[in-house]
Amino acid sequence: MKSIKKYLGIVWLLLAPIIIYLLIQGALDNINLAGKKDINNPVIWIIIIAIFTPIAVGLMIFGWYAFKNEYSHLPESSKEIED
């Protein structure tokens, strides 16, 4: 199970920048000021990118901790938590 967590950590680390790149590439391809559809509006793309970028960064952080085996032992009670 630990090796699965480690490999999935690598997947999350690689997936997050790819998601951000695809969002920006999609925005550059679809923004057209002469367009009449909602997908052509740059404001919509700014909102989408602004929402999903912190999510992708959080995914990268989660992947980093999974890769470093920080989740190998989770406390079962509050007595196990160290300060």
Protein backbone atom coordinates (compact mmCIF):
# COMPACT_ATOMS: atom_id res chain seq x y z
CA MET A 1 0.00 0.00 0.00
CA LYS A 2 2.90 2.35 0.74
CA SER A 3 4.30 1.89 -2.74
CA ILE A 4 0.91 2.66 -4.27
CA LYS A 5 0.77 5.90 -2.28
CA LYS A 6 4.27 6.79 -3.44
CA TYR A 7 3.51 6.13 -7.11
CA LEU A 8 0.23 8.04 -6.90
CA GLY A 9 2.16 10.91 -5.30
CA ILE A 10 4.28 11.08 -8.44
CA VAL A 11 1.11 11.03 -10.55
CA TRP A 12 -0.38 13.95 -8.58
CA LEU A 13 2.89 15.88 -8.82
CA LEU A 14 2.92 15.53 -12.60
CA LEU A 15 -0.82 15.96 -13.10
CA ALA A 16 -1.14 19.38 -11.45
CA PRO A 17 1.13 21.37 -13.83
CA ILE A 18 -0.41 19.56 -16.79
CA ILE A 19 -3.88 20.65 -15.66
CA ILE A 20 -2.77 24.28 -15.30
CA TYR A 21 -1.10 24.16 -18.73
CA LEU A 22 -4.21 22.69 -20.37
CA LEU A 23 -6.44 25.33 -18.78
CA ILE A 24 -4.25 28.16 -20.02
CA GLN A 25 -3.93 26.57 -23.46
CA GLY A 26 -7.71 26.12 -23.65
CA ALA A 27 -8.20 29.75 -22.70
CA LEU A 28 -5.77 30.94 -25.37
CA ASP A 29 -7.47 28.79 -27.99
CA ASN A 30 -11.03 29.79 -27.13
CA ILE A 31 -10.85 33.48 -26.23
CA ASN A 32 -12.19 35.51 -29.11
CA LEU A 33 -13.54 39.00 -28.52
CA ALA A 34 -15.67 38.77 -31.67
CA GLY A 35 -17.22 35.48 -30.53
CA LYS A 36 -20.80 35.36 -29.26
CA LYS A 37 -20.62 32.25 -27.05
CA ASP A 38 -19.76 32.19 -23.34
CA ILE A 39 -16.61 30.16 -24.00
CA ASN A 40 -15.21 33.09 -26.00
CA ASN A 41 -15.46 35.47 -23.04
CA PRO A 42 -12.08 36.09 -21.32
CA VAL A 43 -13.73 36.82 -17.95
CA ILE A 44 -15.07 33.27 -17.74
CA TRP A 45 -11.60 31.86 -18.40
CA ILE A 46 -9.99 34.12 -15.79
CA ILE A 47 -12.50 32.88 -13.22
CA ILE A 48 -11.96 29.23 -14.16
CA ILE A 49 -8.17 29.53 -14.02
CA ALA A 50 -8.32 31.49 -10.74
CA ILE A 51 -10.42 28.75 -9.13
CA PHE A 52 -8.55 25.71 -10.41
CA THR A 53 -4.97 26.94 -9.97
CA PRO A 54 -5.04 26.76 -6.12
CA ILE A 55 -6.71 23.36 -6.38
CA ALA A 56 -3.91 22.14 -8.65
CA VAL A 57 -1.27 23.58 -6.30
CA GLY A 58 -2.93 21.73 -3.41
CA LEU A 59 -2.83 18.58 -5.51
CA MET A 60 0.90 19.09 -6.00
CA ILE A 61 1.44 19.56 -2.26
CA PHE A 62 -0.58 16.43 -1.54
CA GLY A 63 1.47 14.51 -4.11
CA TRP A 64 4.73 15.73 -2.59
CA TYR A 65 3.73 14.53 0.87
CA ALA A 66 2.54 11.20 -0.53
CA PHE A 67 5.83 10.82 -2.40
CA LYS A 68 7.81 11.54 0.79
CA ASN A 69 5.79 8.88 2.73
CA GLU A 70 4.35 11.43 5.16
CA TYR A 71 1.11 9.43 5.16
CA SER A 72 2.76 6.15 6.12
CA HIS A 73 1.43 6.33 9.68
CA LEU A 74 -1.65 8.29 10.58
CA PRO A 75 -2.55 8.74 14.25
CA GLU A 76 -5.48 6.67 15.46
CA SER A 77 -6.16 8.78 18.54
CA SER A 78 -5.32 12.25 19.77
CA LYS A 79 -2.81 10.77 22.23
CA GLU A 80 -0.54 9.84 19.32
CA ILE A 81 -0.28 13.40 18.06
CA GLU A 82 3.03 15.02 18.99
CA ASP A 83 3.50 18.75 19.39
